[in-house]
Amino acid sequence: VAIAIEHLAIDTVSEMILEHLDALSDDLLVHLAHTFGAPRLDRIPFEGEEIMFDDFLQRAFTDNGNGDGYLTNEGLELLDELNILSAMVTDGVSDTIIAGAAIARIASRAEQKRMADRAYARLRLEENAGYGLYRDTPQAVDLMVTMIADEGRYRPLHYVLPALGKVLTTKLERRARVEAVLVGIASELYRRETGGWPASVADLHPRYLPLIPEDPATGDPISINPGERTVVVYALGPDGDDDGGYMDPNLERDMRPKTRGGLVERPGGRILLAPLAQ
């Protein structure tokens, strides 16, 4: 939620700079840069998710007093509600046999807990690695969860654990968007002082930027493409081609500010968010 709110703020500031270049004073732009650049979210909190998982184990498994146990009837109902075994649990005798065989394969309470702890530990390792890990290797967190879910023994983890790899991707996207808007603000301050746009992000360091942001895909300095009225801040993307920030929507996702939406009331009282163009 914090990242989503920050993305809305970044979009608003980007639109303000693009559409009303002189609306914000130099001091306000510097203040915005310091606000966006302030350290935050160094470690994504997962205490709530971990409590939820422990609660699931408490409800779904027996407890032998040493942190171990096996799936209960109530646990089977929980799994059914999560659609894990819903295709198997019916009134048919054959389906009951299939369901029983699947239940027998599900690992014990202690094994589920150990595997979940491994997933969270792996997440913390990847969280500290930054962009570099994603340039070199796939996201191991979700690969591990998918792999163990396919084995059947740890299938509940596939449904109860949060999408850990998605969390990391969102955090890195947050970093990229923050650094991009800092480059945009610095470019505008540069234009006001020199009368022209910077040719590269190196022109902004160190007077306007304390450091040069890296390209998430390559590790090189992030790129800018100065135009007549605007500067496009962009990364090369997975293909490594420098296309000046213009993207093939079929291959890459555009992180630039989207068209502002409006509330549309539909029959039945439902209110949906839709682009103003519609």
Protein backbone atom coordinates (compact mmCIF):
# COMPACT_ATOMS: atom_id res chain seq x y z
CA VAL A 1 0.00 0.00 0.00
CA ALA A 2 2.84 2.39 0.85
CA ILE A 3 4.49 1.71 -2.50
CA ALA A 4 1.20 2.16 -4.38
CA ILE A 5 0.59 5.53 -2.71
CA GLU A 6 4.12 6.61 -3.53
CA HIS A 7 3.61 5.62 -7.18
CA LEU A 8 0.55 7.88 -7.31
CA ALA A 9 2.64 10.73 -5.92
CA ILE A 10 5.39 10.10 -8.48
CA ASP A 11 2.85 10.12 -11.33
CA THR A 12 1.37 13.39 -10.07
CA VAL A 13 4.75 15.11 -9.77
CA SER A 14 5.79 13.83 -13.20
CA GLU A 15 2.62 15.19 -14.78
CA MET A 16 3.10 18.51 -13.00
CA ILE A 17 6.64 18.88 -14.30
CA LEU A 18 5.60 17.89 -17.83
CA GLU A 19 2.47 20.02 -18.11
CA HIS A 20 3.34 23.02 -15.90
CA LEU A 21 7.10 23.45 -16.04
CA ASP A 22 7.18 26.73 -14.11
CA ALA A 23 4.49 25.96 -11.51
CA LEU A 24 7.01 24.76 -8.90
CA SER A 25 9.88 26.91 -7.68
CA ASP A 26 13.45 25.65 -7.51
CA ASP A 27 13.16 25.28 -3.74
CA LEU A 28 9.98 23.21 -4.05
CA LEU A 29 11.59 20.92 -6.63
CA VAL A 30 14.58 20.40 -4.34
CA HIS A 31 12.21 19.69 -1.45
CA LEU A 32 10.36 17.11 -3.54
CA ALA A 33 13.62 15.46 -4.53
CA HIS A 34 14.68 15.19 -0.89
CA THR A 35 11.26 13.81 0.05
CA PHE A 36 11.27 11.11 -2.62
CA GLY A 37 14.95 10.31 -2.05
CA ALA A 38 14.62 9.81 1.71
CA PRO A 39 15.53 6.24 2.77
CA ARG A 40 12.52 4.01 3.38
CA LEU A 41 11.39 0.43 2.92
CA ASP A 42 14.88 -0.96 3.39
CA ARG A 43 13.25 -4.11 4.72
CA ILE A 44 9.72 -5.07 3.73
CA PRO A 45 7.85 -6.15 6.87
CA PHE A 46 6.34 -9.63 6.77
CA GLU A 47 5.28 -10.05 10.37
CA GLY A 48 1.59 -10.04 9.44
CA GLU A 49 2.03 -12.68 6.74
CA GLU A 50 4.09 -14.86 9.09
CA ILE A 51 1.39 -14.62 11.78
CA MET A 52 -1.22 -15.57 9.18
CA PHE A 53 0.80 -18.62 8.15
CA ASP A 54 1.27 -19.74 11.77
CA ASP A 55 -2.46 -19.30 12.28
CA PHE A 56 -3.12 -21.49 9.24
CA LEU A 57 -0.88 -24.23 10.66
CA GLN A 58 -2.66 -23.98 14.01
CA ARG A 59 -6.05 -24.39 12.35
CA ALA A 60 -5.12 -27.00 9.75
CA PHE A 61 -2.73 -29.37 11.59
CA THR A 62 -2.59 -31.24 14.87
CA ASP A 63 0.04 -30.24 17.43
CA ASN A 64 2.11 -32.88 19.24
CA GLY A 65 3.56 -30.32 21.65
CA ASN A 66 6.85 -30.14 19.78
CA GLY A 67 5.69 -28.10 16.81
CA ASP A 68 4.77 -31.04 14.62
CA GLY A 69 1.51 -32.68 13.58
CA TYR A 70 -0.61 -33.76 10.65
CA LEU A 71 -3.47 -32.45 8.56
CA THR A 72 -6.88 -32.54 10.29
CA ASN A 73 -10.43 -32.69 8.95
CA GLU A 74 -10.67 -28.96 9.61
CA GLY A 75 -7.44 -28.53 7.67
CA LEU A 76 -8.91 -30.44 4.77
CA GLU A 77 -11.88 -28.05 4.77
CA LEU A 78 -9.52 -25.09 4.75
CA LEU A 79 -7.63 -26.53 1.80
CA ASP A 80 -10.93 -27.14 0.06
CA GLU A 81 -11.87 -23.49 0.59
CA LEU A 82 -8.53 -22.51 -0.92
CA ASN A 83 -9.44 -24.59 -3.99
CA ILE A 84 -6.45 -26.84 -3.52
CA LEU A 85 -8.46 -30.05 -3.42
CA SER A 86 -11.86 -28.77 -4.49
CA ALA A 87 -11.72 -30.75 -7.74
CA MET A 88 -11.13 -33.94 -5.75
CA VAL A 89 -13.45 -33.61 -2.76
CA THR A 90 -16.87 -34.77 -3.98
CA ASP A 91 -19.37 -37.43 -3.02
CA GLY A 92 -17.92 -40.01 -5.37
CA VAL A 93 -16.06 -42.96 -3.88
CA SER A 94 -13.31 -42.78 -6.47
CA ASP A 95 -12.87 -39.06 -5.88
CA THR A 96 -12.65 -39.69 -2.14
CA ILE A 97 -9.88 -42.22 -2.72
CA ILE A 98 -8.02 -39.75 -4.91
CA ALA A 99 -8.44 -37.02 -2.30
CA GLY A 100 -7.25 -39.35 0.45
CA ALA A 101 -4.14 -40.21 -1.51
CA ALA A 102 -3.41 -36.53 -2.10
CA ILE A 103 -3.91 -35.71 1.59
CA ALA A 104 -1.56 -38.50 2.61
CA ARG A 105 1.20 -36.87 0.55
CA ILE A 106 0.92 -33.50 2.32
CA ALA A 107 3.94 -32.92 4.55
CA SER A 108 3.65 -32.56 8.30
CA ARG A 109 3.26 -29.33 10.23
CA ALA A 110 6.96 -29.07 11.08
CA GLU A 111 7.98 -29.71 7.48
CA GLN A 112 5.59 -27.03 6.23
CA LYS A 113 7.04 -24.57 8.74
CA ARG A 114 10.64 -25.38 7.81
CA MET A 115 9.96 -24.92 4.11
CA ALA A 116 8.17 -21.61 4.71
CA ASP A 117 11.12 -20.38 6.80
CA ARG A 118 13.44 -21.32 3.91
CA ALA A 119 11.32 -19.27 1.50
CA TYR A 120 11.39 -16.19 3.76
CA ALA A 121 15.14 -16.57 4.35
CA ARG A 122 15.66 -16.74 0.60
CA LEU A 123 13.54 -13.62 0.18
CA ARG A 124 15.72 -11.68 2.63
CA LEU A 125 18.81 -12.80 0.75
CA GLU A 126 17.40 -11.62 -2.56
CA GLU A 127 16.04 -8.43 -1.02
CA ASN A 128 19.56 -7.36 -0.07
CA ALA A 129 20.99 -8.22 -3.48
CA GLY A 130 19.21 -5.43 -5.40
CA TYR A 131 19.15 -5.29 -9.19
CA GLY A 132 22.23 -7.45 -9.64
CA LEU A 133 20.59 -10.73 -8.70
CA TYR A 134 17.83 -10.22 -11.28
CA ARG A 135 20.33 -9.58 -14.04
CA ASP A 136 22.21 -12.79 -13.27
CA THR A 137 19.67 -15.37 -12.09
CA PRO A 138 15.92 -15.99 -12.03
CA GLN A 139 13.96 -15.16 -8.91
CA ALA A 140 14.67 -18.16 -6.74
CA VAL A 141 11.92 -17.47 -4.20
CA ASP A 142 8.95 -18.17 -6.44
CA LEU A 143 10.82 -20.86 -8.34
CA MET A 144 11.28 -22.75 -5.08
CA VAL A 145 7.66 -22.34 -4.02
CA THR A 146 6.45 -23.49 -7.43
CA MET A 147 8.78 -26.47 -7.38
CA ILE A 148 7.75 -27.64 -3.93
CA ALA A 149 4.07 -27.09 -4.75
CA ASP A 150 4.38 -29.42 -7.72
CA GLU A 151 5.63 -32.14 -5.42
CA GLY A 152 2.29 -32.19 -3.61
CA ARG A 153 3.83 -32.50 -0.17
CA TYR A 154 4.04 -28.72 0.26
CA ARG A 155 1.09 -27.72 -1.87
CA PRO A 156 -0.49 -25.61 0.92
CA LEU A 157 2.53 -23.28 0.83
CA HIS A 158 1.77 -22.45 -2.77
CA TYR A 159 -1.58 -20.99 -1.69
CA VAL A 160 -0.90 -19.66 1.80
CA LEU A 161 2.47 -17.95 1.34
CA PRO A 162 2.36 -14.50 -0.29
CA ALA A 163 3.84 -14.04 -3.78
CA LEU A 164 7.31 -13.38 -2.40
CA GLY A 165 9.01 -12.82 -5.74
CA LYS A 166 6.30 -10.33 -6.75
CA VAL A 167 6.99 -8.39 -3.56
CA LEU A 168 10.65 -8.08 -4.50
CA THR A 169 9.81 -7.02 -8.04
CA THR A 170 7.46 -4.34 -6.70
CA LYS A 171 10.13 -3.05 -4.35
CA LEU A 172 12.70 -2.83 -7.15
CA GLU A 173 10.15 -1.11 -9.40
CA ARG A 174 9.61 1.39 -6.60
CA ARG A 175 13.35 2.08 -6.52
CA ALA A 176 13.48 2.51 -10.30
CA ARG A 177 10.51 4.90 -10.35
CA VAL A 178 11.91 6.99 -7.49
CA GLU A 179 15.30 7.27 -9.16
CA ALA A 180 13.67 8.15 -12.49
CA VAL A 181 11.64 10.99 -10.99
CA LEU A 182 14.77 12.26 -9.21
CA VAL A 183 16.53 12.38 -12.60
CA GLY A 184 13.51 14.21 -14.03
CA ILE A 185 13.55 16.82 -11.26
CA ALA A 186 17.32 17.24 -11.59
CA SER A 187 16.99 17.68 -15.36
CA GLU A 188 14.44 20.46 -14.90
CA LEU A 189 16.70 22.24 -12.39
CA TYR A 190 19.57 21.87 -14.88
CA ARG A 191 17.41 23.37 -17.66
CA ARG A 192 16.47 26.35 -15.53
CA GLU A 193 20.09 27.09 -14.71
CA THR A 194 21.72 26.42 -18.08
CA GLY A 195 18.91 27.00 -20.57
CA GLY A 196 19.12 23.49 -22.07
CA TRP A 197 18.60 19.86 -21.20
CA PRO A 198 21.45 17.64 -20.00
CA ALA A 199 22.92 15.37 -22.66
CA SER A 200 23.31 12.49 -20.23
CA VAL A 201 22.71 11.71 -16.58
CA ALA A 202 26.44 12.31 -15.95
CA ASP A 203 25.81 16.04 -16.50
CA LEU A 204 23.61 16.04 -13.40
CA HIS A 205 26.20 14.59 -11.00
CA PRO A 206 27.14 15.78 -8.43
CA ARG A 207 25.50 19.22 -8.48
CA TYR A 208 21.93 18.01 -9.06
CA LEU A 209 22.17 14.34 -8.12
CA PRO A 210 24.23 12.89 -5.23
CA LEU A 211 24.71 9.68 -7.20
CA ILE A 212 24.10 8.37 -10.71
CA PRO A 213 21.21 5.85 -10.74
CA GLU A 214 21.96 2.55 -12.41
CA ASP A 215 20.03 0.93 -15.22
CA PRO A 216 18.20 -2.04 -13.63
CA ALA A 217 18.72 -4.16 -16.74
CA THR A 218 22.39 -3.46 -17.47
CA GLY A 219 24.01 -1.93 -14.39
CA ASP A 220 25.24 1.02 -16.46
CA PRO A 221 24.09 4.58 -15.72
CA ILE A 222 20.39 5.12 -16.40
CA SER A 223 19.67 6.76 -19.76
CA ILE A 224 17.95 10.00 -20.70
CA ASN A 225 16.68 11.18 -24.06
CA PRO A 226 16.34 15.00 -24.17
CA GLY A 227 13.68 16.38 -26.48
CA GLU A 228 12.38 19.85 -27.19
CA ARG A 229 10.12 20.14 -24.12
CA THR A 230 10.75 17.00 -22.13
CA VAL A 231 13.37 14.47 -21.09
CA VAL A 232 12.60 10.75 -21.22
CA VAL A 233 14.26 8.80 -18.41
CA TYR A 234 14.53 5.13 -19.30
CA ALA A 235 16.31 1.80 -18.88
CA LEU A 236 17.37 -0.30 -21.85
CA GLY A 237 15.15 -3.18 -20.80
CA PRO A 238 15.67 -6.94 -21.10
CA ASP A 239 16.48 -6.79 -24.82
CA GLY A 240 19.43 -4.44 -24.23
CA ASP A 241 18.54 -2.27 -27.24
CA ASP A 242 18.83 1.49 -26.79
CA ASP A 243 15.65 2.74 -28.46
CA GLY A 244 15.64 6.15 -26.79
CA GLY A 245 12.96 5.15 -24.31
CA TYR A 246 10.34 4.25 -26.90
CA MET A 247 8.97 0.82 -26.20
CA ASP A 248 7.29 -2.10 -27.83
CA PRO A 249 4.24 -2.63 -25.57
CA ASN A 250 4.20 -6.29 -26.56
CA LEU A 251 7.66 -6.83 -25.07
CA GLU A 252 8.14 -4.32 -22.26
CA ARG A 253 5.95 -2.57 -19.73
CA ASP A 254 5.87 1.21 -19.83
CA MET A 255 6.35 2.76 -16.36
CA ARG A 256 5.69 6.33 -17.46
CA PRO A 257 2.69 8.18 -15.97
CA LYS A 258 -0.57 6.74 -17.27
CA THR A 259 -3.64 8.65 -18.44
CA ARG A 260 -5.43 9.93 -15.39
CA GLY A 261 -8.60 7.98 -14.65
CA GLY A 262 -12.07 9.00 -13.51
CA LEU A 263 -14.90 7.40 -11.60
CA VAL A 264 -17.67 5.97 -13.77
CA GLU A 265 -21.00 4.92 -12.27
CA ARG A 266 -22.49 1.82 -13.80
CA PRO A 267 -26.00 0.34 -13.50
CA GLY A 268 -26.59 -1.27 -10.15
CA GLY A 269 -24.63 1.35 -8.27
CA ARG A 270 -21.18 -0.06 -9.06
CA ILE A 271 -18.50 2.59 -9.42
CA LEU A 272 -15.48 1.66 -11.49
CA LEU A 273 -12.25 3.43 -12.34
CA ALA A 274 -11.90 4.03 -16.06
CA PRO A 275 -9.66 6.19 -18.27
CA LEU A 276 -11.18 9.58 -18.99
CA ALA A 277 -10.97 8.82 -22.72
CA GLN A 278 -13.75 6.26 -22.23
